[in-house]
Amino acid sequence: MVDDANVRTGRCHCGAVHFEVTLSDGFKSIRRCNCSYCRMRGAVVAMAEAGGIEILQGAKALTSYRFHTGAAQHFFCCRCGIYTHHQRRSNTALYAVNVACLDGVSPFDFSEVPVTDGVNHPNDTGTSARQAGTLCFIPTD
C-alpha cells in the first residue's frame, strides 16, 4: 500500500538534479548488493515501481552507466557524480533509489541493511535471489 509517507523528494549533491519518488513499500525493501559495481558504489537503496520516479529538475544533467548484460541502467549526476537511482536488472519494472539522496534520510538511519547476492545474480545462475549477508551500523555514544 502506497501512502503519502512513501512519496519523497530528493536531489544529487550539487542540486542540479531534483526528483520525486513514490517508494513501493516505504523502507521495507532497503538493501545493498555485493555485485562488482554496487560493492564499489556502496549505496543503500529502496524500491520504486516504473513511473514512480519523476525528475523535477536537471534531467539533462543525468547520465547513465550500463555494464555486463546492459539490462540495468544506473543514473548519476554528470556534475557531482552522485548516483541517484537505477533501473533494476532482475526486474526492469522496478527502480532502486539511493536513500542518501532522499531529503531527510541517511543510510545510517538503518541499523541493519540486507545485502543481496548480486555476485550470483539470479539471471545468471537460474536460481532464486538470495541474501548474502547483513550490513550493520552501530553508532557510538
N, C-alpha and C. Protein backbone atom coordinates (compact mmCIF):
# COMPACT_ATOMS: atom_id res chain seq x y z
N MET A 1 0.84 -1.18 0.00
CA MET A 1 0.00 0.00 0.00
C MET A 1 0.88 1.25 0.00
N VAL A 2 0.62 2.14 -0.91
CA VAL A 2 1.38 3.38 -1.02
C VAL A 2 0.58 4.50 -0.36
N ASP A 3 1.24 5.27 0.49
CA ASP A 3 0.59 6.43 1.09
C ASP A 3 1.53 7.63 0.98
N ASP A 4 1.11 8.78 1.52
CA ASP A 4 1.90 9.99 1.40
C ASP A 4 3.29 9.86 2.02
N ALA A 5 3.43 9.00 3.03
CA ALA A 5 4.73 8.81 3.67
C ALA A 5 5.72 8.16 2.71
N ASN A 6 5.23 7.52 1.67
CA ASN A 6 6.09 6.87 0.68
C ASN A 6 6.51 7.81 -0.44
N VAL A 7 5.92 9.00 -0.49
CA VAL A 7 6.29 9.98 -1.50
C VAL A 7 7.39 10.85 -0.91
N ARG A 8 8.55 10.83 -1.55
CA ARG A 8 9.73 11.54 -1.05
C ARG A 8 10.32 12.40 -2.15
N THR A 9 10.99 13.46 -1.73
CA THR A 9 11.75 14.27 -2.68
C THR A 9 13.23 13.99 -2.44
N GLY A 10 14.01 14.24 -3.46
CA GLY A 10 15.44 14.01 -3.33
C GLY A 10 16.21 14.82 -4.34
N ARG A 11 17.53 14.75 -4.21
CA ARG A 11 18.40 15.50 -5.11
C ARG A 11 19.80 14.90 -5.08
N CYS A 12 20.59 15.33 -6.04
CA CYS A 12 22.00 14.95 -6.04
C CYS A 12 22.76 15.90 -5.11
N HIS A 13 24.04 15.74 -4.97
CA HIS A 13 24.83 16.55 -4.04
C HIS A 13 24.89 18.03 -4.43
N CYS A 14 25.10 18.31 -5.71
CA CYS A 14 25.24 19.71 -6.16
C CYS A 14 23.90 20.40 -6.36
N GLY A 15 22.80 19.65 -6.36
CA GLY A 15 21.48 20.23 -6.53
C GLY A 15 21.03 20.41 -7.96
N ALA A 16 21.83 19.93 -8.91
CA ALA A 16 21.42 20.04 -10.31
C ALA A 16 20.22 19.15 -10.62
N VAL A 17 20.15 17.99 -9.98
CA VAL A 17 19.07 17.04 -10.22
C VAL A 17 18.16 16.99 -9.00
N HIS A 18 16.86 17.23 -9.23
CA HIS A 18 15.84 17.11 -8.19
C HIS A 18 14.81 16.11 -8.69
N PHE A 19 14.31 15.28 -7.79
CA PHE A 19 13.31 14.29 -8.20
C PHE A 19 12.31 14.05 -7.09
N GLU A 20 11.21 13.42 -7.46
CA GLU A 20 10.20 12.95 -6.52
C GLU A 20 10.01 11.47 -6.78
N VAL A 21 9.90 10.71 -5.73
CA VAL A 21 9.76 9.27 -5.88
C VAL A 21 8.66 8.76 -4.97
N THR A 22 7.92 7.78 -5.46
CA THR A 22 6.96 7.06 -4.64
C THR A 22 7.57 5.69 -4.36
N LEU A 23 7.96 5.48 -3.12
CA LEU A 23 8.57 4.20 -2.74
C LEU A 23 7.48 3.14 -2.69
N SER A 24 7.76 1.99 -3.28
CA SER A 24 6.77 0.92 -3.38
C SER A 24 6.26 0.46 -2.03
N ASP A 25 7.16 0.32 -1.07
CA ASP A 25 6.78 -0.15 0.26
C ASP A 25 7.58 0.57 1.35
N GLY A 26 7.73 1.85 1.16
CA GLY A 26 8.50 2.63 2.13
C GLY A 26 9.94 2.14 2.18
N PHE A 27 10.43 1.95 3.37
CA PHE A 27 11.81 1.50 3.52
C PHE A 27 11.90 0.01 3.87
N LYS A 28 10.80 -0.73 3.67
CA LYS A 28 10.81 -2.17 3.95
C LYS A 28 11.70 -2.92 2.96
N SER A 29 11.95 -2.32 1.81
CA SER A 29 12.72 -3.01 0.76
C SER A 29 14.18 -2.54 0.71
N ILE A 30 14.65 -1.80 1.73
CA ILE A 30 16.03 -1.32 1.65
C ILE A 30 16.99 -2.49 1.48
N ARG A 31 18.08 -2.21 0.79
CA ARG A 31 19.08 -3.25 0.56
C ARG A 31 20.35 -2.65 0.01
N ARG A 32 21.36 -3.44 0.04
CA ARG A 32 22.59 -3.20 -0.69
C ARG A 32 22.82 -4.44 -1.52
N CYS A 33 23.83 -4.39 -2.38
CA CYS A 33 24.14 -5.50 -3.26
C CYS A 33 25.65 -5.70 -3.25
N ASN A 34 26.08 -6.93 -3.46
CA ASN A 34 27.52 -7.21 -3.46
C ASN A 34 28.10 -7.44 -4.85
N CYS A 35 27.36 -7.06 -5.91
CA CYS A 35 27.92 -7.21 -7.26
C CYS A 35 29.12 -6.26 -7.40
N SER A 36 29.89 -6.42 -8.44
CA SER A 36 31.12 -5.63 -8.59
C SER A 36 30.86 -4.13 -8.59
N TYR A 37 29.80 -3.69 -9.22
CA TYR A 37 29.51 -2.25 -9.29
C TYR A 37 28.96 -1.72 -7.97
N CYS A 38 27.96 -2.40 -7.44
CA CYS A 38 27.34 -1.93 -6.19
C CYS A 38 28.32 -2.00 -5.02
N ARG A 39 29.18 -2.99 -5.03
CA ARG A 39 30.18 -3.11 -3.97
C ARG A 39 31.05 -1.86 -3.92
N MET A 40 31.43 -1.33 -5.08
CA MET A 40 32.25 -0.12 -5.13
C MET A 40 31.44 1.13 -4.83
N ARG A 41 30.19 1.13 -5.23
CA ARG A 41 29.33 2.31 -5.04
C ARG A 41 28.88 2.43 -3.59
N GLY A 42 28.52 1.33 -2.96
CA GLY A 42 28.19 1.30 -1.55
C GLY A 42 26.88 1.94 -1.14
N ALA A 43 25.94 2.10 -2.02
CA ALA A 43 24.68 2.79 -1.70
C ALA A 43 23.66 1.85 -1.07
N VAL A 44 22.84 2.40 -0.19
CA VAL A 44 21.66 1.72 0.32
C VAL A 44 20.50 2.21 -0.53
N VAL A 45 19.67 1.28 -1.01
CA VAL A 45 18.59 1.66 -1.92
C VAL A 45 17.23 1.19 -1.38
N ALA A 46 16.18 1.86 -1.85
CA ALA A 46 14.79 1.46 -1.62
C ALA A 46 14.12 1.39 -2.99
N MET A 47 13.04 0.63 -3.09
CA MET A 47 12.42 0.35 -4.38
C MET A 47 11.27 1.30 -4.73
N ALA A 48 11.16 1.54 -6.04
CA ALA A 48 10.06 2.30 -6.62
C ALA A 48 9.66 1.60 -7.92
N GLU A 49 8.39 1.56 -8.20
CA GLU A 49 7.92 0.95 -9.44
C GLU A 49 8.20 1.88 -10.61
N ALA A 50 8.25 1.31 -11.80
CA ALA A 50 8.42 2.12 -13.01
C ALA A 50 7.34 3.18 -13.02
N GLY A 51 7.71 4.40 -13.34
CA GLY A 51 6.78 5.51 -13.30
C GLY A 51 6.69 6.14 -11.92
N GLY A 52 7.35 5.53 -10.94
CA GLY A 52 7.31 6.04 -9.58
C GLY A 52 8.37 7.07 -9.26
N ILE A 53 9.21 7.36 -10.24
CA ILE A 53 10.22 8.39 -10.04
C ILE A 53 10.05 9.45 -11.13
N GLU A 54 10.00 10.70 -10.70
CA GLU A 54 9.83 11.81 -11.64
C GLU A 54 10.98 12.80 -11.44
N ILE A 55 11.68 13.08 -12.52
CA ILE A 55 12.76 14.06 -12.47
C ILE A 55 12.12 15.44 -12.58
N LEU A 56 12.24 16.22 -11.53
CA LEU A 56 11.61 17.55 -11.47
C LEU A 56 12.51 18.62 -12.06
N GLN A 57 13.81 18.41 -11.97
CA GLN A 57 14.78 19.39 -12.46
C GLN A 57 16.08 18.66 -12.78
N GLY A 58 16.71 19.06 -13.87
CA GLY A 58 18.04 18.55 -14.18
C GLY A 58 18.10 17.24 -14.95
N ALA A 59 17.06 16.92 -15.68
CA ALA A 59 17.08 15.67 -16.45
C ALA A 59 18.29 15.62 -17.39
N LYS A 60 18.68 16.76 -17.93
CA LYS A 60 19.83 16.79 -18.84
C LYS A 60 21.15 16.60 -18.11
N ALA A 61 21.16 16.80 -16.80
CA ALA A 61 22.39 16.59 -16.01
C ALA A 61 22.57 15.13 -15.64
N LEU A 62 21.53 14.31 -15.82
CA LEU A 62 21.64 12.88 -15.53
C LEU A 62 22.34 12.16 -16.68
N THR A 63 23.23 11.30 -16.33
CA THR A 63 23.86 10.43 -17.31
C THR A 63 23.72 9.01 -16.78
N SER A 64 24.03 8.02 -17.58
CA SER A 64 23.83 6.65 -17.13
C SER A 64 25.01 5.76 -17.47
N TYR A 65 25.05 4.65 -16.78
CA TYR A 65 26.10 3.66 -16.96
C TYR A 65 25.46 2.28 -16.99
N ARG A 66 25.88 1.48 -17.95
CA ARG A 66 25.43 0.08 -18.05
C ARG A 66 26.66 -0.80 -18.14
N PHE A 67 26.58 -1.99 -17.57
CA PHE A 67 27.69 -2.93 -17.68
C PHE A 67 27.13 -4.34 -17.78
N HIS A 68 28.01 -5.31 -17.93
CA HIS A 68 27.68 -6.74 -18.04
C HIS A 68 26.61 -6.95 -19.12
N THR A 69 25.38 -7.27 -18.75
CA THR A 69 24.34 -7.53 -19.75
C THR A 69 23.74 -6.25 -20.31
N GLY A 70 23.94 -5.12 -19.63
CA GLY A 70 23.38 -3.84 -20.07
C GLY A 70 21.93 -3.65 -19.70
N ALA A 71 21.34 -4.61 -18.99
CA ALA A 71 19.92 -4.51 -18.62
C ALA A 71 19.68 -3.43 -17.56
N ALA A 72 20.55 -3.37 -16.57
CA ALA A 72 20.41 -2.36 -15.52
C ALA A 72 20.99 -1.05 -16.02
N GLN A 73 20.30 0.03 -15.72
CA GLN A 73 20.77 1.35 -16.12
C GLN A 73 20.92 2.19 -14.85
N HIS A 74 22.15 2.58 -14.55
CA HIS A 74 22.49 3.33 -13.33
C HIS A 74 22.61 4.81 -13.68
N PHE A 75 21.83 5.65 -13.00
CA PHE A 75 21.81 7.08 -13.28
C PHE A 75 22.58 7.85 -12.23
N PHE A 76 23.32 8.86 -12.69
CA PHE A 76 24.06 9.72 -11.78
C PHE A 76 24.19 11.11 -12.38
N CYS A 77 24.46 12.09 -11.51
CA CYS A 77 24.60 13.48 -11.95
C CYS A 77 25.96 13.64 -12.62
N CYS A 78 25.96 14.23 -13.81
CA CYS A 78 27.21 14.42 -14.55
C CYS A 78 28.07 15.52 -13.95
N ARG A 79 27.51 16.32 -13.05
CA ARG A 79 28.28 17.41 -12.42
C ARG A 79 28.97 16.96 -11.14
N CYS A 80 28.21 16.37 -10.21
CA CYS A 80 28.80 15.98 -8.92
C CYS A 80 29.10 14.49 -8.83
N GLY A 81 28.58 13.71 -9.77
CA GLY A 81 28.88 12.28 -9.80
C GLY A 81 28.04 11.42 -8.88
N ILE A 82 27.06 11.99 -8.20
CA ILE A 82 26.27 11.22 -7.24
C ILE A 82 25.25 10.34 -7.96
N TYR A 83 25.26 9.05 -7.58
CA TYR A 83 24.31 8.06 -8.07
C TYR A 83 22.95 8.34 -7.42
N THR A 84 21.92 8.54 -8.23
CA THR A 84 20.59 8.84 -7.71
C THR A 84 19.66 7.63 -7.71
N HIS A 85 19.71 6.84 -8.79
CA HIS A 85 18.82 5.69 -8.90
C HIS A 85 19.26 4.79 -10.04
N HIS A 86 18.66 3.60 -10.12
CA HIS A 86 18.90 2.75 -11.27
C HIS A 86 17.69 1.88 -11.57
N GLN A 87 17.58 1.51 -12.83
CA GLN A 87 16.56 0.55 -13.26
C GLN A 87 17.15 -0.83 -13.01
N ARG A 88 16.45 -1.67 -12.31
CA ARG A 88 16.99 -2.95 -11.88
C ARG A 88 17.11 -3.96 -13.03
N ARG A 89 18.08 -4.82 -12.94
CA ARG A 89 18.28 -5.88 -13.91
C ARG A 89 17.31 -7.02 -13.70
N SER A 90 17.11 -7.43 -12.45
CA SER A 90 16.27 -8.59 -12.18
C SER A 90 14.79 -8.32 -12.42
N ASN A 91 14.42 -7.05 -12.36
CA ASN A 91 13.04 -6.66 -12.63
C ASN A 91 13.09 -5.24 -13.18
N THR A 92 13.08 -5.10 -14.48
CA THR A 92 13.22 -3.78 -15.11
C THR A 92 12.00 -2.88 -14.89
N ALA A 93 10.95 -3.41 -14.27
CA ALA A 93 9.79 -2.59 -13.91
C ALA A 93 10.00 -1.92 -12.55
N LEU A 94 11.14 -2.18 -11.92
CA LEU A 94 11.45 -1.56 -10.64
C LEU A 94 12.70 -0.69 -10.74
N TYR A 95 12.69 0.38 -9.97
CA TYR A 95 13.85 1.24 -9.84
C TYR A 95 14.33 1.16 -8.40
N ALA A 96 15.62 1.24 -8.21
CA ALA A 96 16.21 1.34 -6.88
C ALA A 96 16.69 2.78 -6.71
N VAL A 97 16.34 3.40 -5.60
CA VAL A 97 16.66 4.81 -5.36
C VAL A 97 17.65 4.90 -4.21
N ASN A 98 18.69 5.69 -4.39
CA ASN A 98 19.70 5.90 -3.37
C ASN A 98 19.07 6.65 -2.20
N VAL A 99 18.94 6.00 -1.04
CA VAL A 99 18.27 6.65 0.10
C VAL A 99 19.05 7.87 0.59
N ALA A 100 20.36 7.93 0.34
CA ALA A 100 21.16 9.08 0.77
C ALA A 100 20.79 10.34 0.00
N CYS A 101 20.12 10.19 -1.14
CA CYS A 101 19.69 11.34 -1.94
C CYS A 101 18.32 11.85 -1.50
N LEU A 102 17.61 11.10 -0.68
CA LEU A 102 16.27 11.50 -0.24
C LEU A 102 16.37 12.52 0.88
N ASP A 103 15.58 13.57 0.78
CA ASP A 103 15.58 14.63 1.78
C ASP A 103 15.26 14.06 3.16
N GLY A 104 16.11 14.35 4.13
CA GLY A 104 15.87 13.94 5.50
C GLY A 104 16.19 12.49 5.82
N VAL A 105 16.82 11.78 4.88
CA VAL A 105 17.12 10.36 5.09
C VAL A 105 18.62 10.15 4.95
N SER A 106 19.15 9.28 5.78
CA SER A 106 20.56 8.90 5.72
C SER A 106 20.65 7.38 5.70
N PRO A 107 21.63 6.82 5.01
CA PRO A 107 21.79 5.36 5.06
C PRO A 107 22.11 4.88 6.48
N PHE A 108 22.56 5.79 7.33
CA PHE A 108 22.88 5.43 8.71
C PHE A 108 21.65 5.46 9.62
N ASP A 109 20.49 5.76 9.05
CA ASP A 109 19.23 5.68 9.79
C ASP A 109 18.80 4.23 9.99
N PHE A 110 19.41 3.31 9.27
CA PHE A 110 19.01 1.90 9.29
C PHE A 110 20.09 1.08 10.00
N SER A 111 19.74 0.47 11.11
CA SER A 111 20.73 -0.29 11.87
C SER A 111 21.15 -1.55 11.15
N GLU A 112 20.26 -2.13 10.37
CA GLU A 112 20.58 -3.34 9.59
C GLU A 112 20.06 -3.19 8.17
N VAL A 113 20.93 -3.51 7.23
CA VAL A 113 20.57 -3.44 5.81
C VAL A 113 20.90 -4.79 5.17
N PRO A 114 19.89 -5.49 4.64
CA PRO A 114 20.17 -6.75 3.95
C PRO A 114 21.04 -6.50 2.72
N VAL A 115 21.94 -7.44 2.45
CA VAL A 115 22.81 -7.36 1.28
C VAL A 115 22.43 -8.52 0.36
N THR A 116 21.97 -8.18 -0.85
CA THR A 116 21.60 -9.21 -1.81
C THR A 116 22.84 -9.75 -2.52
N ASP A 117 22.76 -10.97 -2.95
CA ASP A 117 23.88 -11.63 -3.62
C ASP A 117 23.84 -11.35 -5.11
N GLY A 118 24.41 -10.21 -5.49
CA GLY A 118 24.50 -9.84 -6.91
C GLY A 118 25.65 -10.51 -7.62
N VAL A 119 26.61 -11.04 -6.87
CA VAL A 119 27.71 -11.79 -7.48
C VAL A 119 27.15 -13.03 -8.16
N ASN A 120 26.18 -13.66 -7.50
CA ASN A 120 25.49 -14.84 -8.04
C ASN A 120 24.07 -14.43 -8.41
N HIS A 121 23.97 -13.52 -9.38
CA HIS A 121 22.69 -12.94 -9.78
C HIS A 121 21.75 -14.03 -10.31
N PRO A 122 20.47 -13.98 -9.90
CA PRO A 122 19.51 -14.99 -10.36
C PRO A 122 19.42 -15.10 -11.88
N ASN A 123 19.59 -13.99 -12.60
CA ASN A 123 19.52 -14.06 -14.06
C ASN A 123 20.71 -14.79 -14.66
N ASP A 124 21.81 -14.90 -13.91
CA ASP A 124 22.99 -15.64 -14.38
C ASP A 124 22.95 -17.09 -13.94
N THR A 125 22.44 -17.34 -12.73
CA THR A 125 22.50 -18.68 -12.15
C THR A 125 21.25 -19.51 -12.38
N GLY A 126 20.13 -18.84 -12.67
CA GLY A 126 18.86 -19.55 -12.83
C GLY A 126 18.27 -19.98 -11.50
N THR A 127 18.83 -19.48 -10.40
CA THR A 127 18.32 -19.79 -9.07
C THR A 127 17.57 -18.59 -8.51
N SER A 128 16.97 -18.77 -7.37
CA SER A 128 16.26 -17.68 -6.71
C SER A 128 17.24 -16.67 -6.13
N ALA A 129 16.77 -15.44 -5.98
CA ALA A 129 17.59 -14.40 -5.34
C ALA A 129 17.86 -14.83 -3.90
N ARG A 130 19.05 -14.50 -3.43
CA ARG A 130 19.37 -14.85 -2.05
C ARG A 130 20.07 -13.69 -1.37
N GLN A 131 20.01 -13.71 -0.06
CA GLN A 131 20.68 -12.69 0.74
C GLN A 131 22.10 -13.17 1.03
N ALA A 132 23.08 -12.30 0.79
CA ALA A 132 24.48 -12.64 1.01
C ALA A 132 24.90 -12.33 2.44
N GLY A 133 24.17 -11.44 3.10
CA GLY A 133 24.52 -11.06 4.46
C GLY A 133 23.72 -9.87 4.91
N THR A 134 24.16 -9.26 6.00
CA THR A 134 23.50 -8.08 6.56
C THR A 134 24.58 -7.08 6.95
N LEU A 135 24.41 -5.85 6.52
CA LEU A 135 25.31 -4.77 6.91
C LEU A 135 24.72 -4.10 8.15
N CYS A 136 25.51 -3.97 9.20
CA CYS A 136 25.02 -3.40 10.46
C CYS A 136 25.72 -2.09 10.76
N PHE A 137 24.96 -1.14 11.26
CA PHE A 137 25.52 0.14 11.73
C PHE A 137 25.22 0.25 13.21
N ILE A 138 26.29 0.37 13.98
CA ILE A 138 26.15 0.51 15.43
C ILE A 138 26.79 1.85 15.81
N PRO A 139 25.96 2.86 16.11
CA PRO A 139 26.53 4.17 16.44
C PRO A 139 27.26 4.14 17.78
N THR A 140 28.29 4.95 17.88
CA THR A 140 28.99 5.09 19.15
C THR A 140 28.35 6.22 19.94
N ASP A 141 28.52 6.20 21.21
CA ASP A 141 27.93 7.24 22.07
C ASP A 141 28.66 8.53 21.97
